[in-house]
Amino acid sequence: MDGRPQRIDPSTDRTAAARLLGCHPDEVGYCPRCSGLTRRYGRSAEILCPACQWDAAHPPS
């Protein structure tokens, strides 16, 4: 295991995705890079999902 967060499939229920992301279901939206679900709206919004953020911080060698 490399520690990379898993992408949340866009077909996942918003309530379940919100629980995984630690936010309210109304804050869940799509990652523009992979279309996975992320905390897209609200006070602590992140445009990219955790998996894409990890990929950006850890480019392949």
PDB file of N, CA and C in Angstrom:
ATOM      1  N   MET A   1       0.829  -1.189   0.000  1.00  0.00           N
ATOM      2  CA  MET A   1       0.000   0.000   0.000  1.00  0.00           C
ATOM      3  C   MET A   1       0.870   1.247   0.000  1.00  0.00           C
ATOM      4  N   ASP A   2       0.495   2.198  -0.797  1.00  0.00           N
ATOM      5  CA  ASP A   2       1.281   3.415  -0.897  1.00  0.00           C
ATOM      6  C   ASP A   2       0.652   4.588  -0.154  1.00  0.00           C
ATOM      7  N   GLY A   3      -0.496   4.405   0.490  1.00  0.00           N
ATOM      8  CA  GLY A   3      -1.126   5.471   1.249  1.00  0.00           C
ATOM      9  C   GLY A   3      -2.032   6.360   0.431  1.00  0.00           C
ATOM     10  N   ARG A   4      -2.166   6.069  -0.871  1.00  0.00           N
ATOM     11  CA  ARG A   4      -3.010   6.894  -1.737  1.00  0.00           C
ATOM     12  C   ARG A   4      -4.478   6.737  -1.346  1.00  0.00           C
ATOM     13  N   PRO A   5      -5.200   7.855  -1.148  1.00  0.00           N
ATOM     14  CA  PRO A   5      -6.632   7.771  -0.861  1.00  0.00           C
ATOM     15  C   PRO A   5      -7.381   7.180  -2.056  1.00  0.00           C
ATOM     16  N   GLN A   6      -8.443   6.479  -1.779  1.00  0.00           N
ATOM     17  CA  GLN A   6      -9.249   5.896  -2.838  1.00  0.00           C
ATOM     18  C   GLN A   6     -10.204   6.929  -3.429  1.00  0.00           C
ATOM     19  N   ARG A   7     -10.394   6.878  -4.729  1.00  0.00           N
ATOM     20  CA  ARG A   7     -11.355   7.725  -5.420  1.00  0.00           C
ATOM     21  C   ARG A   7     -12.756   7.260  -5.024  1.00  0.00           C
ATOM     22  N   ILE A   8     -13.658   8.200  -4.765  1.00  0.00           N
ATOM     23  CA  ILE A   8     -15.042   7.857  -4.450  1.00  0.00           C
ATOM     24  C   ILE A   8     -15.830   7.887  -5.754  1.00  0.00           C
ATOM     25  N   ASP A   9     -16.324   6.732  -6.158  1.00  0.00           N
ATOM     26  CA  ASP A   9     -17.036   6.578  -7.425  1.00  0.00           C
ATOM     27  C   ASP A   9     -18.231   7.530  -7.490  1.00  0.00           C
ATOM     28  N   PRO A  10     -18.459   8.171  -8.649  1.00  0.00           N
ATOM     29  CA  PRO A  10     -19.562   9.123  -8.764  1.00  0.00           C
ATOM     30  C   PRO A  10     -20.940   8.500  -8.580  1.00  0.00           C
ATOM     31  N   SER A  11     -21.049   7.190  -8.684  1.00  0.00           N
ATOM     32  CA  SER A  11     -22.342   6.538  -8.481  1.00  0.00           C
ATOM     33  C   SER A  11     -22.641   6.296  -6.997  1.00  0.00           C
ATOM     34  N   THR A  12     -21.688   6.615  -6.130  1.00  0.00           N
ATOM     35  CA  THR A  12     -21.869   6.450  -4.689  1.00  0.00           C
ATOM     36  C   THR A  12     -22.941   7.412  -4.184  1.00  0.00           C
ATOM     37  N   ASP A  13     -23.768   6.927  -3.268  1.00  0.00           N
ATOM     38  CA  ASP A  13     -24.793   7.761  -2.647  1.00  0.00           C
ATOM     39  C   ASP A  13     -24.136   8.970  -1.985  1.00  0.00           C
ATOM     40  N   ARG A  14     -24.731  10.151  -2.153  1.00  0.00           N
ATOM     41  CA  ARG A  14     -24.152  11.399  -1.606  1.00  0.00           C
ATOM     42  C   ARG A  14     -24.012  11.344  -0.088  1.00  0.00           C
ATOM     43  N   THR A  15     -24.971  10.728   0.585  1.00  0.00           N
ATOM     44  CA  THR A  15     -24.893  10.640   2.047  1.00  0.00           C
ATOM     45  C   THR A  15     -23.710   9.773   2.463  1.00  0.00           C
ATOM     46  N   ALA A  16     -23.502   8.663   1.777  1.00  0.00           N
ATOM     47  CA  ALA A  16     -22.367   7.790   2.083  1.00  0.00           C
ATOM     48  C   ALA A  16     -21.048   8.502   1.778  1.00  0.00           C
ATOM     49  N   ALA A  17     -20.993   9.209   0.650  1.00  0.00           N
ATOM     50  CA  ALA A  17     -19.778   9.950   0.303  1.00  0.00           C
ATOM     51  C   ALA A  17     -19.502  11.037   1.334  1.00  0.00           C
ATOM     52  N   ALA A  18     -20.553  11.714   1.788  1.00  0.00           N
ATOM     53  CA  ALA A  18     -20.385  12.767   2.795  1.00  0.00           C
ATOM     54  C   ALA A  18     -19.812  12.195   4.089  1.00  0.00           C
ATOM     55  N   ARG A  19     -20.256  11.016   4.476  1.00  0.00           N
ATOM     56  CA  ARG A  19     -19.702  10.381   5.688  1.00  0.00           C
ATOM     57  C   ARG A  19     -18.216  10.085   5.518  1.00  0.00           C
ATOM     58  N   LEU A  20     -17.841   9.594   4.347  1.00  0.00           N
ATOM     59  CA  LEU A  20     -16.428   9.313   4.088  1.00  0.00           C
ATOM     60  C   LEU A  20     -15.593  10.593   4.086  1.00  0.00           C
ATOM     61  N   LEU A  21     -16.168  11.670   3.585  1.00  0.00           N
ATOM     62  CA  LEU A  21     -15.448  12.939   3.463  1.00  0.00           C
ATOM     63  C   LEU A  21     -15.553  13.813   4.708  1.00  0.00           C
ATOM     64  N   GLY A  22     -16.459  13.463   5.624  1.00  0.00           N
ATOM     65  CA  GLY A  22     -16.624  14.243   6.844  1.00  0.00           C
ATOM     66  C   GLY A  22     -17.326  15.566   6.613  1.00  0.00           C
ATOM     67  N   CYS A  23     -18.348  15.562   5.758  1.00  0.00           N
ATOM     68  CA  CYS A  23     -19.065  16.794   5.461  1.00  0.00           C
ATOM     69  C   CYS A  23     -20.557  16.513   5.306  1.00  0.00           C
ATOM     70  N   HIS A  24     -21.315  17.531   4.992  1.00  0.00           N
ATOM     71  CA  HIS A  24     -22.753  17.429   4.767  1.00  0.00           C
ATOM     72  C   HIS A  24     -22.991  17.001   3.312  1.00  0.00           C
ATOM     73  N   PRO A  25     -24.035  16.205   3.037  1.00  0.00           N
ATOM     74  CA  PRO A  25     -24.285  15.773   1.652  1.00  0.00           C
ATOM     75  C   PRO A  25     -24.426  16.923   0.649  1.00  0.00           C
ATOM     76  N   ASP A  26     -24.885  18.092   1.098  1.00  0.00           N
ATOM     77  CA  ASP A  26     -25.006  19.239   0.197  1.00  0.00           C
ATOM     78  C   ASP A  26     -23.653  19.795  -0.243  1.00  0.00           C
ATOM     79  N   GLU A  27     -22.574  19.410   0.430  1.00  0.00           N
ATOM     80  CA  GLU A  27     -21.233  19.896   0.099  1.00  0.00           C
ATOM     81  C   GLU A  27     -20.498  18.981  -0.875  1.00  0.00           C
ATOM     82  N   VAL A  28     -21.101  17.850  -1.224  1.00  0.00           N
ATOM     83  CA  VAL A  28     -20.458  16.873  -2.097  1.00  0.00           C
ATOM     84  C   VAL A  28     -20.679  17.256  -3.556  1.00  0.00           C
ATOM     85  N   GLY A  29     -19.604  17.182  -4.337  1.00  0.00           N
ATOM     86  CA  GLY A  29     -19.668  17.473  -5.771  1.00  0.00           C
ATOM     87  C   GLY A  29     -18.616  16.661  -6.505  1.00  0.00           C
ATOM     88  N   TYR A  30     -18.462  16.923  -7.788  1.00  0.00           N
ATOM     89  CA  TYR A  30     -17.547  16.156  -8.630  1.00  0.00           C
ATOM     90  C   TYR A  30     -16.169  16.800  -8.723  1.00  0.00           C
ATOM     91  N   CYS A  31     -15.159  15.964  -8.699  1.00  0.00           N
ATOM     92  CA  CYS A  31     -13.779  16.396  -8.936  1.00  0.00           C
ATOM     93  C   CYS A  31     -13.643  16.676 -10.438  1.00  0.00           C
ATOM     94  N   PRO A  32     -13.121  17.843 -10.827  1.00  0.00           N
ATOM     95  CA  PRO A  32     -12.998  18.142 -12.257  1.00  0.00           C
ATOM     96  C   PRO A  32     -11.931  17.302 -12.963  1.00  0.00           C
ATOM     97  N   ARG A  33     -11.037  16.711 -12.207  1.00  0.00           N
ATOM     98  CA  ARG A  33      -9.960  15.930 -12.823  1.00  0.00           C
ATOM     99  C   ARG A  33     -10.383  14.487 -13.106  1.00  0.00           C
ATOM    100  N   CYS A  34     -11.065  13.833 -12.141  1.00  0.00           N
ATOM    101  CA  CYS A  34     -11.388  12.410 -12.303  1.00  0.00           C
ATOM    102  C   CYS A  34     -12.884  12.113 -12.235  1.00  0.00           C
ATOM    103  N   SER A  35     -13.697  13.105 -11.940  1.00  0.00           N
ATOM    104  CA  SER A  35     -15.151  12.977 -11.786  1.00  0.00           C
ATOM    105  C   SER A  35     -15.561  12.185 -10.547  1.00  0.00           C
ATOM    106  N   GLY A  36     -14.608  11.867  -9.676  1.00  0.00           N
ATOM    107  CA  GLY A  36     -14.953  11.243  -8.404  1.00  0.00           C
ATOM    108  C   GLY A  36     -15.618  12.269  -7.496  1.00  0.00           C
ATOM    109  N   LEU A  37     -16.197  11.811  -6.408  1.00  0.00           N
ATOM    110  CA  LEU A  37     -16.858  12.721  -5.486  1.00  0.00           C
ATOM    111  C   LEU A  37     -15.865  13.312  -4.499  1.00  0.00           C
ATOM    112  N   THR A  38     -16.083  14.572  -4.165  1.00  0.00           N
ATOM    113  CA  THR A  38     -15.227  15.284  -3.234  1.00  0.00           C
ATOM    114  C   THR A  38     -16.046  16.306  -2.460  1.00  0.00           C
ATOM    115  N   ARG A  39     -15.425  16.897  -1.453  1.00  0.00           N
ATOM    116  CA  ARG A  39     -16.059  17.979  -0.688  1.00  0.00           C
ATOM    117  C   ARG A  39     -15.894  19.247  -1.514  1.00  0.00           C
ATOM    118  N   ARG A  40     -16.801  19.478  -2.434  1.00  0.00           N
ATOM    119  CA  ARG A  40     -16.657  20.519  -3.446  1.00  0.00           C
ATOM    120  C   ARG A  40     -17.191  21.877  -3.006  1.00  0.00           C
ATOM    121  N   TYR A  41     -18.157  21.881  -2.105  1.00  0.00           N
ATOM    122  CA  TYR A  41     -18.805  23.127  -1.704  1.00  0.00           C
ATOM    123  C   TYR A  41     -18.722  23.310  -0.199  1.00  0.00           C
ATOM    124  N   GLY A  42     -18.938  24.534   0.259  1.00  0.00           N
ATOM    125  CA  GLY A  42     -18.946  24.808   1.690  1.00  0.00           C
ATOM    126  C   GLY A  42     -17.656  25.440   2.164  1.00  0.00           C
ATOM    127  N   ARG A  43     -17.565  25.561   3.449  1.00  0.00           N
ATOM    128  CA  ARG A  43     -16.461  26.288   4.076  1.00  0.00           C
ATOM    129  C   ARG A  43     -15.082  25.662   3.870  1.00  0.00           C
ATOM    130  N   SER A  44     -15.008  24.356   3.929  1.00  0.00           N
ATOM    131  CA  SER A  44     -13.714  23.665   3.770  1.00  0.00           C
ATOM    132  C   SER A  44     -13.624  22.959   2.419  1.00  0.00           C
ATOM    133  N   ALA A  45     -14.178  23.570   1.398  1.00  0.00           N
ATOM    134  CA  ALA A  45     -14.238  22.955   0.071  1.00  0.00           C
ATOM    135  C   ALA A  45     -12.848  22.709  -0.505  1.00  0.00           C
ATOM    136  N   GLU A  46     -12.744  21.634  -1.246  1.00  0.00           N
ATOM    137  CA  GLU A  46     -11.540  21.273  -1.993  1.00  0.00           C
ATOM    138  C   GLU A  46     -11.980  20.994  -3.421  1.00  0.00           C
ATOM    139  N   ILE A  47     -11.396  21.652  -4.384  1.00  0.00           N
ATOM    140  CA  ILE A  47     -11.800  21.448  -5.773  1.00  0.00           C
ATOM    141  C   ILE A  47     -11.450  20.032  -6.220  1.00  0.00           C
ATOM    142  N   LEU A  48     -10.232  19.594  -5.939  1.00  0.00           N
ATOM    143  CA  LEU A  48      -9.815  18.246  -6.321  1.00  0.00           C
ATOM    144  C   LEU A  48     -10.118  17.258  -5.201  1.00  0.00           C
ATOM    145  N   CYS A  49     -10.442  16.029  -5.583  1.00  0.00           N
ATOM    146  CA  CYS A  49     -10.714  14.995  -4.594  1.00  0.00           C
ATOM    147  C   CYS A  49      -9.408  14.601  -3.894  1.00  0.00           C
ATOM    148  N   PRO A  50      -9.501  13.929  -2.745  1.00  0.00           N
ATOM    149  CA  PRO A  50      -8.284  13.528  -2.027  1.00  0.00           C
ATOM    150  C   PRO A  50      -7.326  12.680  -2.869  1.00  0.00           C
ATOM    151  N   ALA A  51      -7.848  11.806  -3.729  1.00  0.00           N
ATOM    152  CA  ALA A  51      -6.983  10.966  -4.570  1.00  0.00           C
ATOM    153  C   ALA A  51      -6.201  11.815  -5.571  1.00  0.00           C
ATOM    154  N   CYS A  52      -6.859  12.790  -6.201  1.00  0.00           N
ATOM    155  CA  CYS A  52      -6.164  13.661  -7.160  1.00  0.00           C
ATOM    156  C   CYS A  52      -5.185  14.600  -6.461  1.00  0.00           C
ATOM    157  N   GLN A  53      -5.522  15.056  -5.260  1.00  0.00           N
ATOM    158  CA  GLN A  53      -4.588  15.876  -4.483  1.00  0.00           C
ATOM    159  C   GLN A  53      -3.333  15.075  -4.166  1.00  0.00           C
ATOM    160  N   TRP A  54      -3.513  13.816  -3.797  1.00  0.00           N
ATOM    161  CA  TRP A  54      -2.381  12.949  -3.466  1.00  0.00           C
ATOM    162  C   TRP A  54      -1.507  12.754  -4.711  1.00  0.00           C
ATOM    163  N   ASP A  55      -2.160  12.507  -5.860  1.00  0.00           N
ATOM    164  CA  ASP A  55      -1.411  12.311  -7.113  1.00  0.00           C
ATOM    165  C   ASP A  55      -0.596  13.568  -7.461  1.00  0.00           C
ATOM    166  N   ALA A  56      -1.179  14.747  -7.239  1.00  0.00           N
ATOM    167  CA  ALA A  56      -0.472  15.991  -7.540  1.00  0.00           C
ATOM    168  C   ALA A  56       0.734  16.195  -6.629  1.00  0.00           C
ATOM    169  N   ALA A  57       0.615  15.741  -5.384  1.00  0.00           N
ATOM    170  CA  ALA A  57       1.707  15.901  -4.419  1.00  0.00           C
ATOM    171  C   ALA A  57       2.772  14.798  -4.551  1.00  0.00           C
ATOM    172  N   HIS A  58       2.448  13.710  -5.225  1.00  0.00           N
ATOM    173  CA  HIS A  58       3.351  12.561  -5.355  1.00  0.00           C
ATOM    174  C   HIS A  58       3.461  12.130  -6.822  1.00  0.00           C
ATOM    175  N   PRO A  59       4.101  12.935  -7.676  1.00  0.00           N
ATOM    176  CA  PRO A  59       4.213  12.553  -9.081  1.00  0.00           C
ATOM    177  C   PRO A  59       5.030  11.265  -9.228  1.00  0.00           C
ATOM    178  N   PRO A  60       4.735  10.466 -10.261  1.00  0.00           N
ATOM    179  CA  PRO A  60       5.487   9.225 -10.473  1.00  0.00           C
ATOM    180  C   PRO A  60       6.963   9.503 -10.736  1.00  0.00           C
ATOM    181  N   SER A  61       7.794   8.613 -10.282  1.00  0.00           N
ATOM    182  CA  SER A  61       9.255   8.780 -10.462  1.00  0.00           C
ATOM    183  C   SER A  61       9.719   8.302 -11.795  1.00  0.00           C
TER     184      SER A  61
END
